[in-house]
Amino acid sequence: MANPISNASNAYLNTVKQLQGGDNAAGSSGAGAIDAVSGAPSFGDVLKQSLSSAIDAQHNSEKVSAQALVGKADMTDVLQAVNNAEMALNTVLAVRDRVVQAYDQIMRTSI
């Protein structure tokens, strides 16, 4: 029997790798898809945008920290950038935990 936490973490890592690589390994099977009924973006698009935002916040935090080391950034800028990256990471982790929880619950459901 497969470990649900391992499966969820592997899916999460694959998504992060796709975002960092900038390519869509799944082809064009939903990238940029909009729900035809409500006109809202799909869940996958929202998730992808959220992960991309968290990664961008981390990159910005690293950039501002490096600028502070050479005296080009203020300490308040560094603290704000690091705090934004931390909040984005905590949000991603919370979503991941909920997905793992939902997957585990689905796997325990009897048919």
C-alpha atoms as a PDB file:
ATOM      1  CA  MET A   1       0.000   0.000   0.000  1.00  0.00           C
ATOM      2  CA  ALA A   2       1.368   3.397  -0.983  1.00  0.00           C
ATOM      3  CA  ASN A   3       2.110   5.987   1.660  1.00  0.00           C
ATOM      4  CA  PRO A   4      -0.316   8.918   1.174  1.00  0.00           C
ATOM      5  CA  ILE A   5       2.092  11.441   2.667  1.00  0.00           C
ATOM      6  CA  SER A   6       4.821  10.295   0.320  1.00  0.00           C
ATOM      7  CA  ASN A   7       2.476  10.479  -2.681  1.00  0.00           C
ATOM      8  CA  ALA A   8       1.305  13.983  -1.761  1.00  0.00           C
ATOM      9  CA  SER A   9       4.828  15.239  -1.116  1.00  0.00           C
ATOM     10  CA  ASN A  10       5.998  13.811  -4.456  1.00  0.00           C
ATOM     11  CA  ALA A  11       3.125  15.568  -6.240  1.00  0.00           C
ATOM     12  CA  TYR A  12       4.014  18.799  -4.432  1.00  0.00           C
ATOM     13  CA  LEU A  13       7.681  18.514  -5.419  1.00  0.00           C
ATOM     14  CA  ASN A  14       6.769  17.800  -9.039  1.00  0.00           C
ATOM     15  CA  THR A  15       4.611  20.929  -9.098  1.00  0.00           C
ATOM     16  CA  VAL A  16       7.421  23.036  -7.666  1.00  0.00           C
ATOM     17  CA  LYS A  17       9.861  21.619 -10.228  1.00  0.00           C
ATOM     18  CA  GLN A  18       7.442  22.444 -13.044  1.00  0.00           C
ATOM     19  CA  LEU A  19       7.082  26.008 -11.789  1.00  0.00           C
ATOM     20  CA  GLN A  20      10.811  26.507 -11.441  1.00  0.00           C
ATOM     21  CA  GLY A  21      11.492  24.976 -14.853  1.00  0.00           C
ATOM     22  CA  GLY A  22       8.824  27.113 -16.482  1.00  0.00           C
ATOM     23  CA  ASP A  23       7.536  24.190 -18.540  1.00  0.00           C
ATOM     24  CA  ASN A  24       4.293  22.320 -18.289  1.00  0.00           C
ATOM     25  CA  ALA A  25       5.039  18.592 -18.092  1.00  0.00           C
ATOM     26  CA  ALA A  26       1.346  17.802 -18.447  1.00  0.00           C
ATOM     27  CA  GLY A  27       1.241  19.463 -21.859  1.00  0.00           C
ATOM     28  CA  SER A  28      -1.635  21.801 -22.560  1.00  0.00           C
ATOM     29  CA  SER A  29      -4.149  19.841 -20.512  1.00  0.00           C
ATOM     30  CA  GLY A  30      -5.341  22.749 -18.456  1.00  0.00           C
ATOM     31  CA  ALA A  31      -2.710  25.438 -18.248  1.00  0.00           C
ATOM     32  CA  GLY A  32      -4.595  28.676 -18.301  1.00  0.00           C
ATOM     33  CA  ALA A  33      -7.927  26.852 -18.359  1.00  0.00           C
ATOM     34  CA  ILE A  34     -10.957  28.838 -17.286  1.00  0.00           C
ATOM     35  CA  ASP A  35     -14.155  27.225 -16.081  1.00  0.00           C
ATOM     36  CA  ALA A  36     -16.671  27.656 -18.891  1.00  0.00           C
ATOM     37  CA  VAL A  37     -19.639  27.853 -16.525  1.00  0.00           C
ATOM     38  CA  SER A  38     -18.466  30.411 -13.978  1.00  0.00           C
ATOM     39  CA  GLY A  39     -15.656  32.084 -15.911  1.00  0.00           C
ATOM     40  CA  ALA A  40     -13.322  31.572 -12.927  1.00  0.00           C
ATOM     41  CA  PRO A  41      -9.811  30.131 -13.205  1.00  0.00           C
ATOM     42  CA  SER A  42      -9.458  26.423 -12.471  1.00  0.00           C
ATOM     43  CA  PHE A  43      -8.224  25.117  -9.129  1.00  0.00           C
ATOM     44  CA  GLY A  44      -4.962  24.045 -10.748  1.00  0.00           C
ATOM     45  CA  ASP A  45      -4.359  27.555 -12.061  1.00  0.00           C
ATOM     46  CA  VAL A  46      -5.012  29.090  -8.655  1.00  0.00           C
ATOM     47  CA  LEU A  47      -2.674  26.587  -7.031  1.00  0.00           C
ATOM     48  CA  LYS A  48       0.006  27.198  -9.660  1.00  0.00           C
ATOM     49  CA  GLN A  49      -0.267  30.960  -9.210  1.00  0.00           C
ATOM     50  CA  SER A  50      -0.021  30.607  -5.423  1.00  0.00           C
ATOM     51  CA  LEU A  51       3.076  28.440  -5.652  1.00  0.00           C
ATOM     52  CA  SER A  52       4.630  30.818  -8.137  1.00  0.00           C
ATOM     53  CA  SER A  53       3.906  33.723  -5.819  1.00  0.00           C
ATOM     54  CA  ALA A  54       5.547  31.914  -2.888  1.00  0.00           C
ATOM     55  CA  ILE A  55       8.632  31.143  -4.966  1.00  0.00           C
ATOM     56  CA  ASP A  56       8.842  34.764  -6.137  1.00  0.00           C
ATOM     57  CA  ALA A  57       8.606  35.963  -2.525  1.00  0.00           C
ATOM     58  CA  GLN A  58      11.490  33.670  -1.575  1.00  0.00           C
ATOM     59  CA  HIS A  59      13.613  34.923  -4.479  1.00  0.00           C
ATOM     60  CA  ASN A  60      12.858  38.528  -3.533  1.00  0.00           C
ATOM     61  CA  SER A  61      13.808  37.807   0.071  1.00  0.00           C
ATOM     62  CA  GLU A  62      17.147  36.370  -1.039  1.00  0.00           C
ATOM     63  CA  LYS A  63      17.786  39.325  -3.354  1.00  0.00           C
ATOM     64  CA  VAL A  64      17.023  41.937  -0.694  1.00  0.00           C
ATOM     65  CA  SER A  65      19.143  40.064   1.861  1.00  0.00           C
ATOM     66  CA  ALA A  66      22.068  40.034  -0.566  1.00  0.00           C
ATOM     67  CA  GLN A  67      21.610  43.754  -1.207  1.00  0.00           C
ATOM     68  CA  ALA A  68      21.693  44.389   2.540  1.00  0.00           C
ATOM     69  CA  LEU A  69      25.006  42.567   2.813  1.00  0.00           C
ATOM     70  CA  VAL A  70      26.610  45.041   0.423  1.00  0.00           C
ATOM     71  CA  GLY A  71      24.873  48.024   2.029  1.00  0.00           C
ATOM     72  CA  LYS A  72      22.290  48.686  -0.684  1.00  0.00           C
ATOM     73  CA  ALA A  73      19.158  47.773   1.294  1.00  0.00           C
ATOM     74  CA  ASP A  74      17.711  48.891   4.588  1.00  0.00           C
ATOM     75  CA  MET A  75      17.133  46.400   7.404  1.00  0.00           C
ATOM     76  CA  THR A  76      13.387  47.106   7.383  1.00  0.00           C
ATOM     77  CA  ASP A  77      13.270  46.112   3.705  1.00  0.00           C
ATOM     78  CA  VAL A  78      15.027  42.855   4.566  1.00  0.00           C
ATOM     79  CA  LEU A  79      12.638  42.143   7.427  1.00  0.00           C
ATOM     80  CA  GLN A  80       9.605  42.836   5.242  1.00  0.00           C
ATOM     81  CA  ALA A  81      10.879  40.625   2.428  1.00  0.00           C
ATOM     82  CA  VAL A  82      11.748  37.774   4.785  1.00  0.00           C
ATOM     83  CA  ASN A  83       8.389  38.095   6.549  1.00  0.00           C
ATOM     84  CA  ASN A  84       6.527  38.006   3.214  1.00  0.00           C
ATOM     85  CA  ALA A  85       8.462  34.898   2.156  1.00  0.00           C
ATOM     86  CA  GLU A  86       7.757  33.224   5.493  1.00  0.00           C
ATOM     87  CA  MET A  87       4.031  33.948   5.259  1.00  0.00           C
ATOM     88  CA  ALA A  88       3.892  32.634   1.686  1.00  0.00           C
ATOM     89  CA  LEU A  89       5.733  29.462   2.694  1.00  0.00           C
ATOM     90  CA  ASN A  90       3.431  28.924   5.670  1.00  0.00           C
ATOM     91  CA  THR A  91       0.413  29.305   3.380  1.00  0.00           C
ATOM     92  CA  VAL A  92       1.798  26.755   0.926  1.00  0.00           C
ATOM     93  CA  LEU A  93       2.540  24.350   3.775  1.00  0.00           C
ATOM     94  CA  ALA A  94      -0.974  24.751   5.169  1.00  0.00           C
ATOM     95  CA  VAL A  95      -2.496  24.001   1.762  1.00  0.00           C
ATOM     96  CA  ARG A  96      -0.211  21.007   1.367  1.00  0.00           C
ATOM     97  CA  ASP A  97      -1.228  19.685   4.782  1.00  0.00           C
ATOM     98  CA  ARG A  98      -4.912  20.039   3.895  1.00  0.00           C
ATOM     99  CA  VAL A  99      -4.397  18.227   0.590  1.00  0.00           C
ATOM    100  CA  VAL A 100      -2.604  15.384   2.358  1.00  0.00           C
ATOM    101  CA  GLN A 101      -5.379  15.267   4.946  1.00  0.00           C
ATOM    102  CA  ALA A 102      -8.050  15.135   2.237  1.00  0.00           C
ATOM    103  CA  TYR A 103      -6.161  12.436   0.323  1.00  0.00           C
ATOM    104  CA  ASP A 104      -5.796  10.367   3.477  1.00  0.00           C
ATOM    105  CA  GLN A 105      -9.493  10.725   4.238  1.00  0.00           C
ATOM    106  CA  ILE A 106     -10.449   9.699   0.701  1.00  0.00           C
ATOM    107  CA  MET A 107      -8.204   6.648   0.925  1.00  0.00           C
ATOM    108  CA  ARG A 108      -9.918   5.580   4.175  1.00  0.00           C
ATOM    109  CA  THR A 109     -13.383   5.894   2.651  1.00  0.00           C
ATOM    110  CA  SER A 110     -14.958   2.505   2.033  1.00  0.00           C
ATOM    111  CA  ILE A 111     -16.590   1.819  -1.290  1.00  0.00           C
END
